[in-house]
Amino acid sequence: MNSETDKTKFILEDYLKAIAVLKSRNGKATVTALSRMIGVKKPSIYRSLKRLSEAGMVIHERYGDIDLTPQGKKAADEVCRRHTVLYRFFTEILTVDPATAINDACRMEHVLSDKSIEQIEGLVRSSGDCFTGGSAD
């Protein structure tokens, strides 16, 4: 992949994640809410939704709610999982402040290999007792 293709992929993954978050919080995702959450104008949202629709990730009729297809939900869930793993790693293991951890997780969730995410997830999980008041016997 070239850097432009990577950038587009990362942006579309962020859209899927944002749609999933909106649906979780509000029960629905709209273009207006997505525009506010991501901080881009509606024409950009429509262009990205068209690409996601063509890729089979979302269903969206103009002026209607945005729905994730099963494929889109799976992709969104994976991006959200990667984000959560990285956020927990930064805050619980490295003790990075939450704002920095969110920003760093948002950047890194797209570029780390599945193997690296799995290793980080294992590290966070195995050290959980130390951070949740478990016994240190």
Foldseek 3Di string as FASTA:
>chain_A
DDPVVLVLVLVLLVLLLLQVVCCVVPVFADLVSSCVVVVHDSVVVVVSVVVCVVVQQWDDDVVDTIGGDPVSNVSNVLLVLQLVLQLLCCCVVVVDDNVVSNVVSSVVSSPDDPVVSVVSSVVSVVCVCVVPVHDPD
